[in-house]
């Protein structure tokens, strides 16, 4: 009986770990496409109903903004090649409940090797038959 219990616990943790890795891989694909300015690859890991919100924190106060997914994809695809940008993810915290996941990723954003801003991304994902999709992104931005 003890061996069966240990086996069941082991299988549970292996499944949970595999699921978290699959979710992190989805976020990795998102950022690879983002850095390559590839809106087609971005769309493959995002829901067709993607929602994007941002909270900018400045000395003048806090500003909440909404971006349409179509504008997001267009803005990424039209970043000039002369501009180098990178969003460095500092860590991942993944929470999963069935077909829903939340990923918390503190980051630093660099433009032409200079720190532009930092904050946290909050990704909401859901699992479709063909894998995890990003459905909602809320990020904070502070200088």
Protein backbone atom coordinates (compact mmCIF):
# COMPACT_ATOMS: atom_id res chain seq x y z
CA UNK A 1 0.00 0.00 0.00
CA UNK A 2 2.82 2.39 0.86
CA UNK A 3 4.47 1.76 -2.53
CA UNK A 4 1.21 2.50 -4.36
CA UNK A 5 0.82 5.78 -2.47
CA UNK A 6 4.41 6.79 -3.25
CA UNK A 7 3.87 5.90 -6.93
CA UNK A 8 0.66 7.96 -7.08
CA UNK A 9 2.34 10.98 -5.47
CA UNK A 10 5.32 10.64 -7.81
CA UNK A 11 3.06 10.48 -10.90
CA UNK A 12 1.12 13.53 -9.70
CA UNK A 13 4.29 15.61 -9.33
CA UNK A 14 5.63 14.44 -12.70
CA UNK A 15 2.36 15.47 -14.37
CA UNK A 16 2.36 18.85 -12.61
CA UNK A 17 6.00 19.47 -13.53
CA UNK A 18 5.37 18.49 -17.17
CA UNK A 19 2.35 20.79 -17.34
CA UNK A 20 4.33 23.73 -15.90
CA UNK A 21 7.12 23.08 -18.42
CA UNK A 22 4.58 23.09 -21.27
CA UNK A 23 3.21 26.42 -20.06
CA UNK A 24 6.71 27.92 -19.73
CA UNK A 25 7.46 26.68 -23.24
CA UNK A 26 4.38 28.54 -24.51
CA UNK A 27 5.56 31.75 -22.84
CA UNK A 28 9.03 31.12 -24.31
CA UNK A 29 7.52 30.80 -27.80
CA UNK A 30 5.64 34.06 -27.18
CA UNK A 31 8.86 35.92 -26.36
CA UNK A 32 10.85 34.30 -29.17
CA UNK A 33 8.24 35.50 -31.66
CA UNK A 34 8.12 38.90 -29.95
CA UNK A 35 11.89 39.38 -30.21
CA UNK A 36 11.87 38.21 -33.84
CA UNK A 37 9.03 40.65 -34.68
CA UNK A 38 7.03 37.66 -35.92
CA UNK A 39 3.34 38.45 -35.53
CA UNK A 40 2.30 35.18 -37.22
CA UNK A 41 4.18 33.10 -34.63
CA UNK A 42 2.75 35.32 -31.86
CA UNK A 43 -0.79 34.63 -33.06
CA UNK A 44 -0.12 30.88 -32.91
CA UNK A 45 0.44 30.98 -29.12
CA UNK A 46 -2.33 33.51 -28.42
CA UNK A 47 -6.09 33.25 -28.35
CA UNK A 48 -7.89 34.97 -31.19
CA UNK A 49 -9.59 36.96 -28.39
CA UNK A 50 -6.33 38.12 -26.79
CA UNK A 51 -6.77 40.99 -24.30
CA UNK A 52 -3.86 43.33 -23.47
CA UNK A 53 -3.76 45.81 -20.58
CA UNK A 54 -0.90 47.84 -19.12
CA UNK A 55 -0.36 49.83 -15.96
CA UNK A 56 2.28 52.55 -16.32
CA UNK A 57 3.68 54.00 -13.12
CA UNK A 58 5.37 57.40 -13.38
CA UNK A 59 6.05 60.39 -11.17
CA UNK A 60 2.85 61.92 -12.59
CA UNK A 61 0.77 58.98 -11.42
CA UNK A 62 -0.60 55.70 -12.65
CA UNK A 63 -2.11 55.18 -16.09
CA UNK A 64 -4.18 52.17 -17.17
CA UNK A 65 -4.22 51.43 -20.90
CA UNK A 66 -5.87 48.95 -23.22
CA UNK A 67 -4.36 47.75 -26.48
CA UNK A 68 -6.22 45.88 -29.20
CA UNK A 69 -4.58 42.64 -30.25
CA UNK A 70 -4.52 43.73 -33.91
CA UNK A 71 -2.62 46.89 -32.96
CA UNK A 72 -0.21 44.86 -30.81
CA UNK A 73 0.61 42.45 -33.66
CA UNK A 74 1.01 45.33 -36.12
CA UNK A 75 3.27 47.30 -33.77
CA UNK A 76 5.53 44.29 -33.22
CA UNK A 77 5.81 43.53 -36.94
CA UNK A 78 6.68 47.14 -37.80
CA UNK A 79 9.49 47.76 -35.28
CA UNK A 80 12.44 48.89 -37.40
CA UNK A 81 15.31 46.42 -37.61
CA UNK A 82 17.63 49.24 -36.52
CA UNK A 83 16.05 49.12 -33.07
CA UNK A 84 17.35 46.35 -30.83
CA UNK A 85 14.97 45.37 -28.03
CA UNK A 86 14.87 42.62 -25.47
CA UNK A 87 12.53 41.75 -22.66
CA UNK A 88 14.54 39.80 -20.09
CA UNK A 89 12.36 37.51 -18.00
CA UNK A 90 13.81 37.35 -14.49
CA UNK A 91 11.71 34.46 -13.15
CA UNK A 92 8.56 32.39 -13.68
CA UNK A 93 5.82 31.61 -11.21
CA UNK A 94 3.23 29.24 -12.67
CA UNK A 95 -0.13 28.34 -11.16
CA UNK A 96 -2.45 25.81 -12.81
CA UNK A 97 -6.02 24.71 -12.26
CA UNK A 98 -7.16 22.26 -14.92
CA UNK A 99 -7.30 24.08 -18.25
CA UNK A 100 -6.42 27.49 -16.75
CA UNK A 101 -2.99 28.81 -15.89
CA UNK A 102 -1.53 32.02 -14.52
CA UNK A 103 2.10 32.97 -15.11
CA UNK A 104 3.83 35.80 -13.24
CA UNK A 105 7.05 37.02 -14.87
CA UNK A 106 9.07 39.94 -13.52
CA UNK A 107 11.04 41.51 -16.37
CA UNK A 108 13.45 44.20 -17.53
CA UNK A 109 12.96 45.78 -20.95
CA UNK A 110 15.98 47.00 -22.91
CA UNK A 111 16.05 49.18 -26.02
CA UNK A 112 19.41 49.40 -27.81
CA UNK A 113 21.07 47.79 -24.76
CA UNK A 114 19.74 50.47 -22.39
CA UNK A 115 17.23 49.69 -19.65
CA UNK A 116 13.94 51.31 -20.71
CA UNK A 117 11.63 50.06 -17.98
CA UNK A 118 10.85 47.12 -15.75
CA UNK A 119 7.79 45.52 -14.21
CA UNK A 120 5.80 42.32 -14.13
CA UNK A 121 3.82 40.46 -16.77
CA UNK A 122 0.73 38.58 -15.68
CA UNK A 123 -0.27 36.01 -18.31
CA UNK A 124 -3.55 34.11 -18.25
CA UNK A 125 -3.62 30.98 -20.40
CA UNK A 126 -6.11 28.27 -21.23
CA UNK A 127 -5.52 24.82 -22.63
CA UNK A 128 -7.00 23.94 -26.00
CA UNK A 129 -6.70 20.58 -27.71
CA UNK A 130 -3.53 21.74 -29.47
CA UNK A 131 -1.87 23.25 -26.39
CA UNK A 132 -1.80 26.30 -24.15
CA UNK A 133 -2.91 29.70 -25.50
CA UNK A 134 -2.33 33.15 -24.03
CA UNK A 135 -5.72 34.78 -23.53
CA UNK A 136 -4.85 37.80 -21.35
CA UNK A 137 -1.76 39.87 -20.59
CA UNK A 138 -1.59 42.56 -17.92
CA UNK A 139 1.77 44.21 -17.35
CA UNK A 140 3.21 46.91 -15.16
CA UNK A 141 5.77 49.39 -16.45
CA UNK A 142 7.95 51.66 -14.39
CA UNK A 143 11.04 53.67 -15.30
